[in-house]
Amino acid sequence: MLYETRVLDRVTDRARLKEYMNMVDYDFYQTIDSRWHLALLAVSVHHQRRGIGGRLVRHGQELAAEDNVPITLESSVVGCGLYLKSGFKIVSKGEIIKGLPELAST
């Protein structure tokens, strides 16, 4: 919630942020105890298609494996292919805001 309240609050229209916060359901992650969560993973458009994103994901997976805990993430539709190739499975689908889909993966 720190990101949503301290960062998004400064860069997003307050009405849209409020709509987003009312729509987001974090209950899914409450069912999982200790875990690694990949958040806000992005690669500059000038450096995409070079394997950087895949290496970042693998590093997160290695850290989770070392701690013997599951790893979760939320994906855009665009990023979904990378995560599916990396072994993640779609466990939930939703919309962040009407017309903007979101995927929760583990």
PDB file of N, CA and C in Angstrom:
ATOM      1  N   MET A   1       0.820  -1.192   0.000  1.00  0.00           N
ATOM      2  CA  MET A   1       0.000   0.000   0.000  1.00  0.00           C
ATOM      3  C   MET A   1       0.867   1.261   0.000  1.00  0.00           C
ATOM      4  N   LEU A   2       2.104   1.158   0.433  1.00  0.00           N
ATOM      5  CA  LEU A   2       2.968   2.330   0.464  1.00  0.00           C
ATOM      6  C   LEU A   2       3.119   2.924  -0.938  1.00  0.00           C
ATOM      7  N   TYR A   3       3.342   2.061  -1.925  1.00  0.00           N
ATOM      8  CA  TYR A   3       3.495   2.554  -3.298  1.00  0.00           C
ATOM      9  C   TYR A   3       2.240   3.278  -3.752  1.00  0.00           C
ATOM     10  N   GLU A   4       1.084   2.657  -3.522  1.00  0.00           N
ATOM     11  CA  GLU A   4      -0.160   3.252  -3.982  1.00  0.00           C
ATOM     12  C   GLU A   4      -0.429   4.601  -3.316  1.00  0.00           C
ATOM     13  N   THR A   5      -0.113   4.728  -2.036  1.00  0.00           N
ATOM     14  CA  THR A   5      -0.448   5.963  -1.323  1.00  0.00           C
ATOM     15  C   THR A   5       0.620   7.043  -1.449  1.00  0.00           C
ATOM     16  N   ARG A   6       1.875   6.658  -1.584  1.00  0.00           N
ATOM     17  CA  ARG A   6       2.938   7.673  -1.618  1.00  0.00           C
ATOM     18  C   ARG A   6       3.411   8.007  -3.024  1.00  0.00           C
ATOM     19  N   VAL A   7       3.381   7.031  -3.941  1.00  0.00           N
ATOM     20  CA  VAL A   7       3.877   7.277  -5.289  1.00  0.00           C
ATOM     21  C   VAL A   7       2.725   7.558  -6.242  1.00  0.00           C
ATOM     22  N   LEU A   8       1.797   6.627  -6.372  1.00  0.00           N
ATOM     23  CA  LEU A   8       0.693   6.838  -7.297  1.00  0.00           C
ATOM     24  C   LEU A   8      -0.093   8.082  -6.930  1.00  0.00           C
ATOM     25  N   ASP A   9      -0.190   8.356  -5.659  1.00  0.00           N
ATOM     26  CA  ASP A   9      -0.933   9.521  -5.206  1.00  0.00           C
ATOM     27  C   ASP A   9      -0.348  10.808  -5.784  1.00  0.00           C
ATOM     28  N   ARG A  10       0.935  10.832  -6.045  1.00  0.00           N
ATOM     29  CA  ARG A  10       1.582  12.039  -6.556  1.00  0.00           C
ATOM     30  C   ARG A  10       1.539  12.138  -8.077  1.00  0.00           C
ATOM     31  N   VAL A  11       1.354  11.036  -8.769  1.00  0.00           N
ATOM     32  CA  VAL A  11       1.436  11.061 -10.225  1.00  0.00           C
ATOM     33  C   VAL A  11       0.126  10.729 -10.919  1.00  0.00           C
ATOM     34  N   THR A  12      -0.916  10.441 -10.189  1.00  0.00           N
ATOM     35  CA  THR A  12      -2.171  10.015 -10.770  1.00  0.00           C
ATOM     36  C   THR A  12      -3.292  10.942 -10.342  1.00  0.00           C
ATOM     37  N   ASP A  13      -4.221  11.122 -11.227  1.00  0.00           N
ATOM     38  CA  ASP A  13      -5.426  11.872 -10.897  1.00  0.00           C
ATOM     39  C   ASP A  13      -6.067  11.238  -9.660  1.00  0.00           C
ATOM     40  N   ARG A  14      -6.388  12.025  -8.669  1.00  0.00           N
ATOM     41  CA  ARG A  14      -6.921  11.506  -7.404  1.00  0.00           C
ATOM     42  C   ARG A  14      -8.195  10.686  -7.599  1.00  0.00           C
ATOM     43  N   ALA A  15      -9.052  11.088  -8.516  1.00  0.00           N
ATOM     44  CA  ALA A  15     -10.294  10.342  -8.757  1.00  0.00           C
ATOM     45  C   ALA A  15      -9.982   8.958  -9.324  1.00  0.00           C
ATOM     46  N   ARG A  16      -9.016   8.888 -10.252  1.00  0.00           N
ATOM     47  CA  ARG A  16      -8.638   7.587 -10.814  1.00  0.00           C
ATOM     48  C   ARG A  16      -7.966   6.718  -9.768  1.00  0.00           C
ATOM     49  N   LEU A  17      -7.128   7.317  -8.918  1.00  0.00           N
ATOM     50  CA  LEU A  17      -6.476   6.554  -7.856  1.00  0.00           C
ATOM     51  C   LEU A  17      -7.519   5.981  -6.904  1.00  0.00           C
ATOM     52  N   LYS A  18      -8.501   6.792  -6.530  1.00  0.00           N
ATOM     53  CA  LYS A  18      -9.553   6.318  -5.636  1.00  0.00           C
ATOM     54  C   LYS A  18     -10.327   5.171  -6.285  1.00  0.00           C
ATOM     55  N   GLU A  19     -10.632   5.302  -7.578  1.00  0.00           N
ATOM     56  CA  GLU A  19     -11.328   4.227  -8.290  1.00  0.00           C
ATOM     57  C   GLU A  19     -10.484   2.952  -8.292  1.00  0.00           C
ATOM     58  N   TYR A  20      -9.191   3.088  -8.539  1.00  0.00           N
ATOM     59  CA  TYR A  20      -8.279   1.947  -8.532  1.00  0.00           C
ATOM     60  C   TYR A  20      -8.249   1.278  -7.168  1.00  0.00           C
ATOM     61  N   MET A  21      -8.099   2.066  -6.115  1.00  0.00           N
ATOM     62  CA  MET A  21      -8.012   1.509  -4.771  1.00  0.00           C
ATOM     63  C   MET A  21      -9.302   0.790  -4.376  1.00  0.00           C
ATOM     64  N   ASN A  22     -10.437   1.279  -4.841  1.00  0.00           N
ATOM     65  CA  ASN A  22     -11.709   0.623  -4.546  1.00  0.00           C
ATOM     66  C   ASN A  22     -11.874  -0.680  -5.313  1.00  0.00           C
ATOM     67  N   MET A  23     -11.193  -0.803  -6.448  1.00  0.00           N
ATOM     68  CA  MET A  23     -11.344  -1.990  -7.284  1.00  0.00           C
ATOM     69  C   MET A  23     -10.341  -3.087  -6.951  1.00  0.00           C
ATOM     70  N   VAL A  24      -9.199  -2.708  -6.412  1.00  0.00           N
ATOM     71  CA  VAL A  24      -8.126  -3.678  -6.163  1.00  0.00           C
ATOM     72  C   VAL A  24      -8.513  -4.571  -4.991  1.00  0.00           C
ATOM     73  N   ASP A  25      -8.375  -5.861  -5.226  1.00  0.00           N
ATOM     74  CA  ASP A  25      -8.703  -6.841  -4.192  1.00  0.00           C
ATOM     75  C   ASP A  25      -7.427  -7.589  -3.828  1.00  0.00           C
ATOM     76  N   TYR A  26      -6.882  -7.309  -2.662  1.00  0.00           N
ATOM     77  CA  TYR A  26      -5.638  -7.941  -2.237  1.00  0.00           C
ATOM     78  C   TYR A  26      -5.881  -9.246  -1.473  1.00  0.00           C
ATOM     79  N   ASP A  27      -7.120  -9.697  -1.381  1.00  0.00           N
ATOM     80  CA  ASP A  27      -7.420 -10.910  -0.624  1.00  0.00           C
ATOM     81  C   ASP A  27      -6.689 -12.130  -1.152  1.00  0.00           C
ATOM     82  N   PHE A  28      -6.443 -12.196  -2.473  1.00  0.00           N
ATOM     83  CA  PHE A  28      -5.755 -13.350  -3.037  1.00  0.00           C
ATOM     84  C   PHE A  28      -4.421 -13.579  -2.335  1.00  0.00           C
ATOM     85  N   TYR A  29      -3.662 -12.513  -2.110  1.00  0.00           N
ATOM     86  CA  TYR A  29      -2.345 -12.660  -1.523  1.00  0.00           C
ATOM     87  C   TYR A  29      -2.394 -12.931  -0.029  1.00  0.00           C
ATOM     88  N   GLN A  30      -3.519 -12.696   0.610  1.00  0.00           N
ATOM     89  CA  GLN A  30      -3.664 -13.009   2.025  1.00  0.00           C
ATOM     90  C   GLN A  30      -3.677 -14.519   2.256  1.00  0.00           C
ATOM     91  N   THR A  31      -4.005 -15.300   1.227  1.00  0.00           N
ATOM     92  CA  THR A  31      -4.060 -16.752   1.377  1.00  0.00           C
ATOM     93  C   THR A  31      -2.680 -17.395   1.309  1.00  0.00           C
ATOM     94  N   ILE A  32      -1.682 -16.626   0.923  1.00  0.00           N
ATOM     95  CA  ILE A  32      -0.319 -17.138   0.805  1.00  0.00           C
ATOM     96  C   ILE A  32       0.513 -16.523   1.926  1.00  0.00           C
ATOM     97  N   ASP A  33       1.151 -17.360   2.707  1.00  0.00           N
ATOM     98  CA  ASP A  33       1.969 -16.841   3.798  1.00  0.00           C
ATOM     99  C   ASP A  33       3.244 -16.207   3.239  1.00  0.00           C
ATOM    100  N   SER A  34       4.384 -16.616   3.705  1.00  0.00           N
ATOM    101  CA  SER A  34       5.654 -16.063   3.241  1.00  0.00           C
ATOM    102  C   SER A  34       5.815 -16.317   1.757  1.00  0.00           C
ATOM    103  N   ARG A  35       6.307 -15.303   1.037  1.00  0.00           N
ATOM    104  CA  ARG A  35       6.501 -15.432  -0.402  1.00  0.00           C
ATOM    105  C   ARG A  35       7.380 -14.291  -0.891  1.00  0.00           C
ATOM    106  N   TRP A  36       7.943 -14.467  -2.071  1.00  0.00           N
ATOM    107  CA  TRP A  36       8.576 -13.378  -2.793  1.00  0.00           C
ATOM    108  C   TRP A  36       7.526 -12.845  -3.756  1.00  0.00           C
ATOM    109  N   HIS A  37       7.472 -11.537  -3.933  1.00  0.00           N
ATOM    110  CA  HIS A  37       6.537 -10.924  -4.875  1.00  0.00           C
ATOM    111  C   HIS A  37       7.311  -9.993  -5.791  1.00  0.00           C
ATOM    112  N   LEU A  38       7.289 -10.292  -7.085  1.00  0.00           N
ATOM    113  CA  LEU A  38       7.943  -9.410  -8.054  1.00  0.00           C
ATOM    114  C   LEU A  38       7.009  -8.239  -8.311  1.00  0.00           C
ATOM    115  N   ALA A  39       7.455  -7.041  -8.031  1.00  0.00           N
ATOM    116  CA  ALA A  39       6.600  -5.866  -8.184  1.00  0.00           C
ATOM    117  C   ALA A  39       7.272  -4.845  -9.095  1.00  0.00           C
ATOM    118  N   LEU A  40       6.485  -4.279  -9.973  1.00  0.00           N
ATOM    119  CA  LEU A  40       6.937  -3.199 -10.846  1.00  0.00           C
ATOM    120  C   LEU A  40       8.198  -3.548 -11.626  1.00  0.00           C
ATOM    121  N   LEU A  41       8.196  -4.723 -12.202  1.00  0.00           N
ATOM    122  CA  LEU A  41       9.321  -5.161 -13.020  1.00  0.00           C
ATOM    123  C   LEU A  41       9.163  -4.571 -14.411  1.00  0.00           C
ATOM    124  N   ALA A  42      10.129  -3.780 -14.839  1.00  0.00           N
ATOM    125  CA  ALA A  42      10.049  -3.147 -16.153  1.00  0.00           C
ATOM    126  C   ALA A  42      11.446  -2.974 -16.728  1.00  0.00           C
ATOM    127  N   VAL A  43      11.503  -3.005 -18.049  1.00  0.00           N
ATOM    128  CA  VAL A  43      12.749  -2.767 -18.766  1.00  0.00           C
ATOM    129  C   VAL A  43      12.478  -1.636 -19.756  1.00  0.00           C
ATOM    130  N   SER A  44      13.370  -0.687 -19.824  1.00  0.00           N
ATOM    131  CA  SER A  44      13.226   0.436 -20.748  1.00  0.00           C
ATOM    132  C   SER A  44      12.950  -0.072 -22.160  1.00  0.00           C
ATOM    133  N   VAL A  45      12.096   0.629 -22.881  1.00  0.00           N
ATOM    134  CA  VAL A  45      11.787   0.217 -24.256  1.00  0.00           C
ATOM    135  C   VAL A  45      13.041   0.209 -25.119  1.00  0.00           C
ATOM    136  N   HIS A  46      14.042   0.978 -24.753  1.00  0.00           N
ATOM    137  CA  HIS A  46      15.293   1.020 -25.508  1.00  0.00           C
ATOM    138  C   HIS A  46      16.176  -0.204 -25.261  1.00  0.00           C
ATOM    139  N   HIS A  47      15.814  -1.017 -24.252  1.00  0.00           N
ATOM    140  CA  HIS A  47      16.634  -2.179 -23.910  1.00  0.00           C
ATOM    141  C   HIS A  47      15.851  -3.483 -23.904  1.00  0.00           C
ATOM    142  N   GLN A  48      14.632  -3.456 -24.410  1.00  0.00           N
ATOM    143  CA  GLN A  48      13.821  -4.672 -24.436  1.00  0.00           C
ATOM    144  C   GLN A  48      14.302  -5.625 -25.529  1.00  0.00           C
ATOM    145  N   ARG A  49      13.848  -6.863 -25.410  1.00  0.00           N
ATOM    146  CA  ARG A  49      14.203  -7.929 -26.359  1.00  0.00           C
ATOM    147  C   ARG A  49      15.686  -8.284 -26.335  1.00  0.00           C
ATOM    148  N   ARG A  50      16.295  -8.110 -25.160  1.00  0.00           N
ATOM    149  CA  ARG A  50      17.712  -8.467 -24.991  1.00  0.00           C
ATOM    150  C   ARG A  50      17.896  -9.477 -23.871  1.00  0.00           C
ATOM    151  N   GLY A  51      16.792  -9.978 -23.322  1.00  0.00           N
ATOM    152  CA  GLY A  51      16.880 -10.971 -22.261  1.00  0.00           C
ATOM    153  C   GLY A  51      16.982 -10.399 -20.861  1.00  0.00           C
ATOM    154  N   ILE A  52      16.919  -9.080 -20.740  1.00  0.00           N
ATOM    155  CA  ILE A  52      17.074  -8.450 -19.428  1.00  0.00           C
ATOM    156  C   ILE A  52      15.909  -8.814 -18.522  1.00  0.00           C
ATOM    157  N   GLY A  53      14.687  -8.695 -19.031  1.00  0.00           N
ATOM    158  CA  GLY A  53      13.500  -9.029 -18.238  1.00  0.00           C
ATOM    159  C   GLY A  53      13.540 -10.470 -17.764  1.00  0.00           C
ATOM    160  N   GLY A  54      13.920 -11.377 -18.657  1.00  0.00           N
ATOM    161  CA  GLY A  54      14.016 -12.788 -18.290  1.00  0.00           C
ATOM    162  C   GLY A  54      15.039 -13.027 -17.198  1.00  0.00           C
ATOM    163  N   ARG A  55      16.169 -12.332 -17.267  1.00  0.00           N
ATOM    164  CA  ARG A  55      17.205 -12.479 -16.236  1.00  0.00           C
ATOM    165  C   ARG A  55      16.711 -11.943 -14.890  1.00  0.00           C
ATOM    166  N   LEU A  56      15.972 -10.828 -14.920  1.00  0.00           N
ATOM    167  CA  LEU A  56      15.414 -10.287 -13.677  1.00  0.00           C
ATOM    168  C   LEU A  56      14.426 -11.268 -13.044  1.00  0.00           C
ATOM    169  N   VAL A  57      13.579 -11.860 -13.881  1.00  0.00           N
ATOM    170  CA  VAL A  57      12.601 -12.828 -13.377  1.00  0.00           C
ATOM    171  C   VAL A  57      13.317 -14.045 -12.803  1.00  0.00           C
ATOM    172  N   ARG A  58      14.293 -14.571 -13.520  1.00  0.00           N
ATOM    173  CA  ARG A  58      15.043 -15.739 -13.027  1.00  0.00           C
ATOM    174  C   ARG A  58      15.733 -15.434 -11.702  1.00  0.00           C
ATOM    175  N   HIS A  59      16.269 -14.227 -11.571  1.00  0.00           N
ATOM    176  CA  HIS A  59      16.921 -13.860 -10.310  1.00  0.00           C
ATOM    177  C   HIS A  59      15.911 -13.896  -9.163  1.00  0.00           C
ATOM    178  N   GLY A  60      14.723 -13.340  -9.381  1.00  0.00           N
ATOM    179  CA  GLY A  60      13.676 -13.400  -8.365  1.00  0.00           C
ATOM    180  C   GLY A  60      13.289 -14.823  -8.043  1.00  0.00           C
ATOM    181  N   GLN A  61      13.191 -15.665  -9.067  1.00  0.00           N
ATOM    182  CA  GLN A  61      12.847 -17.072  -8.844  1.00  0.00           C
ATOM    183  C   GLN A  61      13.938 -17.786  -8.052  1.00  0.00           C
ATOM    184  N   GLU A  62      15.181 -17.461  -8.326  1.00  0.00           N
ATOM    185  CA  GLU A  62      16.284 -18.075  -7.579  1.00  0.00           C
ATOM    186  C   GLU A  62      16.243 -17.666  -6.106  1.00  0.00           C
ATOM    187  N   LEU A  63      15.965 -16.391  -5.843  1.00  0.00           N
ATOM    188  CA  LEU A  63      15.881 -15.926  -4.459  1.00  0.00           C
ATOM    189  C   LEU A  63      14.741 -16.627  -3.720  1.00  0.00           C
ATOM    190  N   ALA A  64      13.601 -16.770  -4.392  1.00  0.00           N
ATOM    191  CA  ALA A  64      12.467 -17.459  -3.771  1.00  0.00           C
ATOM    192  C   ALA A  64      12.809 -18.925  -3.514  1.00  0.00           C
ATOM    193  N   ALA A  65      13.509 -19.556  -4.456  1.00  0.00           N
ATOM    194  CA  ALA A  65      13.894 -20.959  -4.284  1.00  0.00           C
ATOM    195  C   ALA A  65      14.865 -21.117  -3.110  1.00  0.00           C
ATOM    196  N   GLU A  66      15.798 -20.174  -2.971  1.00  0.00           N
ATOM    197  CA  GLU A  66      16.739 -20.214  -1.841  1.00  0.00           C
ATOM    198  C   GLU A  66      16.002 -20.138  -0.509  1.00  0.00           C
ATOM    199  N   ASP A  67      14.939 -19.336  -0.462  1.00  0.00           N
ATOM    200  CA  ASP A  67      14.150 -19.186   0.760  1.00  0.00           C
ATOM    201  C   ASP A  67      13.058 -20.247   0.870  1.00  0.00           C
ATOM    202  N   ASN A  68      12.933 -21.084  -0.167  1.00  0.00           N
ATOM    203  CA  ASN A  68      11.941 -22.156  -0.202  1.00  0.00           C
ATOM    204  C   ASN A  68      10.510 -21.630   0.002  1.00  0.00           C
ATOM    205  N   VAL A  69      10.195 -20.546  -0.716  1.00  0.00           N
ATOM    206  CA  VAL A  69       8.857 -19.956  -0.659  1.00  0.00           C
ATOM    207  C   VAL A  69       8.348 -19.739  -2.085  1.00  0.00           C
ATOM    208  N   PRO A  70       7.037 -19.642  -2.253  1.00  0.00           N
ATOM    209  CA  PRO A  70       6.491 -19.377  -3.589  1.00  0.00           C
ATOM    210  C   PRO A  70       6.804 -17.942  -4.015  1.00  0.00           C
ATOM    211  N   ILE A  71       6.640 -17.693  -5.296  1.00  0.00           N
ATOM    212  CA  ILE A  71       6.851 -16.358  -5.840  1.00  0.00           C
ATOM    213  C   ILE A  71       5.593 -15.946  -6.594  1.00  0.00           C
ATOM    214  N   THR A  72       5.179 -14.712  -6.422  1.00  0.00           N
ATOM    215  CA  THR A  72       3.970 -14.207  -7.067  1.00  0.00           C
ATOM    216  C   THR A  72       4.285 -12.913  -7.811  1.00  0.00           C
ATOM    217  N   LEU A  73       3.373 -12.526  -8.676  1.00  0.00           N
ATOM    218  CA  LEU A  73       3.476 -11.253  -9.363  1.00  0.00           C
ATOM    219  C   LEU A  73       2.131 -10.903  -9.958  1.00  0.00           C
ATOM    220  N   GLU A  74       1.999  -9.656 -10.350  1.00  0.00           N
ATOM    221  CA  GLU A  74       0.848  -9.204 -11.109  1.00  0.00           C
ATOM    222  C   GLU A  74       1.395  -8.731 -12.441  1.00  0.00           C
ATOM    223  N   SER A  75       0.712  -9.094 -13.526  1.00  0.00           N
ATOM    224  CA  SER A  75       1.236  -8.826 -14.852  1.00  0.00           C
ATOM    225  C   SER A  75       0.261  -8.026 -15.697  1.00  0.00           C
ATOM    226  N   SER A  76       0.824  -7.218 -16.566  1.00  0.00           N
ATOM    227  CA  SER A  76       0.020  -6.625 -17.621  1.00  0.00           C
ATOM    228  C   SER A  76      -0.177  -7.708 -18.687  1.00  0.00           C
ATOM    229  N   VAL A  77      -1.086  -7.485 -19.577  1.00  0.00           N
ATOM    230  CA  VAL A  77      -1.292  -8.434 -20.667  1.00  0.00           C
ATOM    231  C   VAL A  77      -0.025  -8.527 -21.511  1.00  0.00           C
ATOM    232  N   VAL A  78       0.648  -7.415 -21.700  1.00  0.00           N
ATOM    233  CA  VAL A  78       1.877  -7.376 -22.493  1.00  0.00           C
ATOM    234  C   VAL A  78       2.973  -8.233 -21.876  1.00  0.00           C
ATOM    235  N   GLY A  79       3.116  -8.193 -20.558  1.00  0.00           N
ATOM    236  CA  GLY A  79       4.170  -8.941 -19.884  1.00  0.00           C
ATOM    237  C   GLY A  79       3.853 -10.406 -19.651  1.00  0.00           C
ATOM    238  N   CYS A  80       2.626 -10.783 -19.902  1.00  0.00           N
ATOM    239  CA  CYS A  80       2.181 -12.144 -19.586  1.00  0.00           C
ATOM    240  C   CYS A  80       3.019 -13.218 -20.272  1.00  0.00           C
ATOM    241  N   GLY A  81       3.378 -13.013 -21.521  1.00  0.00           N
ATOM    242  CA  GLY A  81       4.148 -14.015 -22.263  1.00  0.00           C
ATOM    243  C   GLY A  81       5.463 -14.357 -21.596  1.00  0.00           C
ATOM    244  N   LEU A  82       6.173 -13.341 -21.137  1.00  0.00           N
ATOM    245  CA  LEU A  82       7.452 -13.564 -20.460  1.00  0.00           C
ATOM    246  C   LEU A  82       7.258 -14.420 -19.220  1.00  0.00           C
ATOM    247  N   TYR A  83       6.230 -14.099 -18.438  1.00  0.00           N
ATOM    248  CA  TYR A  83       6.016 -14.830 -17.189  1.00  0.00           C
ATOM    249  C   TYR A  83       5.563 -16.261 -17.436  1.00  0.00           C
ATOM    250  N   LEU A  84       4.723 -16.465 -18.442  1.00  0.00           N
ATOM    251  CA  LEU A  84       4.309 -17.836 -18.772  1.00  0.00           C
ATOM    252  C   LEU A  84       5.512 -18.658 -19.227  1.00  0.00           C
ATOM    253  N   LYS A  85       6.394 -18.064 -20.039  1.00  0.00           N
ATOM    254  CA  LYS A  85       7.608 -18.770 -20.471  1.00  0.00           C
ATOM    255  C   LYS A  85       8.534 -19.063 -19.306  1.00  0.00           C
ATOM    256  N   SER A  86       8.439 -18.252 -18.253  1.00  0.00           N
ATOM    257  CA  SER A  86       9.298 -18.425 -17.076  1.00  0.00           C
ATOM    258  C   SER A  86       8.713 -19.396 -16.057  1.00  0.00           C
ATOM    259  N   GLY A  87       7.561 -19.994 -16.371  1.00  0.00           N
ATOM    260  CA  GLY A  87       6.997 -21.007 -15.489  1.00  0.00           C
ATOM    261  C   GLY A  87       5.854 -20.548 -14.607  1.00  0.00           C
ATOM    262  N   PHE A  88       5.459 -19.288 -14.703  1.00  0.00           N
ATOM    263  CA  PHE A  88       4.330 -18.799 -13.917  1.00  0.00           C
ATOM    264  C   PHE A  88       3.025 -19.299 -14.524  1.00  0.00           C
ATOM    265  N   LYS A  89       1.993 -19.357 -13.714  1.00  0.00           N
ATOM    266  CA  LYS A  89       0.664 -19.753 -14.163  1.00  0.00           C
ATOM    267  C   LYS A  89      -0.321 -18.652 -13.803  1.00  0.00           C
ATOM    268  N   ILE A  90      -1.303 -18.442 -14.658  1.00  0.00           N
ATOM    269  CA  ILE A  90      -2.342 -17.451 -14.362  1.00  0.00           C
ATOM    270  C   ILE A  90      -3.307 -18.071 -13.365  1.00  0.00           C
ATOM    271  N   VAL A  91      -3.494 -17.399 -12.250  1.00  0.00           N
ATOM    272  CA  VAL A  91      -4.412 -17.897 -11.224  1.00  0.00           C
ATOM    273  C   VAL A  91      -5.618 -16.985 -11.058  1.00  0.00           C
ATOM    274  N   SER A  92      -5.542 -15.788 -11.633  1.00  0.00           N
ATOM    275  CA  SER A  92      -6.652 -14.846 -11.504  1.00  0.00           C
ATOM    276  C   SER A  92      -6.542 -13.812 -12.609  1.00  0.00           C
ATOM    277  N   LYS A  93      -7.690 -13.348 -13.096  1.00  0.00           N
ATOM    278  CA  LYS A  93      -7.721 -12.266 -14.081  1.00  0.00           C
ATOM    279  C   LYS A  93      -8.667 -11.200 -13.572  1.00  0.00           C
ATOM    280  N   GLY A  94      -8.368  -9.972 -13.878  1.00  0.00           N
ATOM    281  CA  GLY A  94      -9.231  -8.882 -13.460  1.00  0.00           C
ATOM    282  C   GLY A  94      -8.940  -7.646 -14.271  1.00  0.00           C
ATOM    283  N   GLU A  95      -9.552  -6.556 -13.892  1.00  0.00           N
ATOM    284  CA  GLU A  95      -9.303  -5.267 -14.523  1.00  0.00           C
ATOM    285  C   GLU A  95      -8.873  -4.281 -13.445  1.00  0.00           C
ATOM    286  N   ILE A  96      -7.797  -3.565 -13.682  1.00  0.00           N
ATOM    287  CA  ILE A  96      -7.365  -2.538 -12.746  1.00  0.00           C
ATOM    288  C   ILE A  96      -8.378  -1.400 -12.791  1.00  0.00           C
ATOM    289  N   ILE A  97      -8.673  -0.967 -13.981  1.00  0.00           N
ATOM    290  CA  ILE A  97      -9.705   0.026 -14.244  1.00  0.00           C
ATOM    291  C   ILE A  97     -10.429  -0.484 -15.478  1.00  0.00           C
ATOM    292  N   LYS A  98     -11.705  -0.216 -15.607  1.00  0.00           N
ATOM    293  CA  LYS A  98     -12.482  -0.736 -16.726  1.00  0.00           C
ATOM    294  C   LYS A  98     -11.710  -0.567 -18.044  1.00  0.00           C
ATOM    295  N   GLY A  99     -11.511  -1.701 -18.707  1.00  0.00           N
ATOM    296  CA  GLY A  99     -10.788  -1.701 -19.967  1.00  0.00           C
ATOM    297  C   GLY A  99      -9.288  -1.890 -19.842  1.00  0.00           C
ATOM    298  N   LEU A 100      -8.756  -1.931 -18.615  1.00  0.00           N
ATOM    299  CA  LEU A 100      -7.324  -2.129 -18.399  1.00  0.00           C
ATOM    300  C   LEU A 100      -7.138  -3.432 -17.641  1.00  0.00           C
ATOM    301  N   PRO A 101      -6.901  -4.537 -18.370  1.00  0.00           N
ATOM    302  CA  PRO A 101      -6.823  -5.841 -17.720  1.00  0.00           C
ATOM    303  C   PRO A 101      -5.573  -6.022 -16.873  1.00  0.00           C
ATOM    304  N   GLU A 102      -5.681  -6.926 -15.917  1.00  0.00           N
ATOM    305  CA  GLU A 102      -4.584  -7.273 -15.012  1.00  0.00           C
ATOM    306  C   GLU A 102      -4.622  -8.786 -14.833  1.00  0.00           C
ATOM    307  N   LEU A 103      -3.450  -9.385 -14.650  1.00  0.00           N
ATOM    308  CA  LEU A 103      -3.359 -10.807 -14.387  1.00  0.00           C
ATOM    309  C   LEU A 103      -2.588 -11.013 -13.093  1.00  0.00           C
ATOM    310  N   ALA A 104      -3.060 -11.896 -12.249  1.00  0.00           N
ATOM    311  CA  ALA A 104      -2.297 -12.264 -11.050  1.00  0.00           C
ATOM    312  C   ALA A 104      -1.725 -13.640 -11.320  1.00  0.00           C
ATOM    313  N   SER A 105      -0.433 -13.780 -11.132  1.00  0.00           N
ATOM    314  CA  SER A 105       0.251 -15.034 -11.439  1.00  0.00           C
ATOM    315  C   SER A 105       1.040 -15.522 -10.249  1.00  0.00           C
ATOM    316  N   THR A 106       1.243 -16.817 -10.234  1.00  0.00           N
ATOM    317  CA  THR A 106       2.068 -17.418  -9.216  1.00  0.00           C
ATOM    318  C   THR A 106       2.852 -18.566  -9.794  1.00  0.00           C
TER     319      THR A 106
END
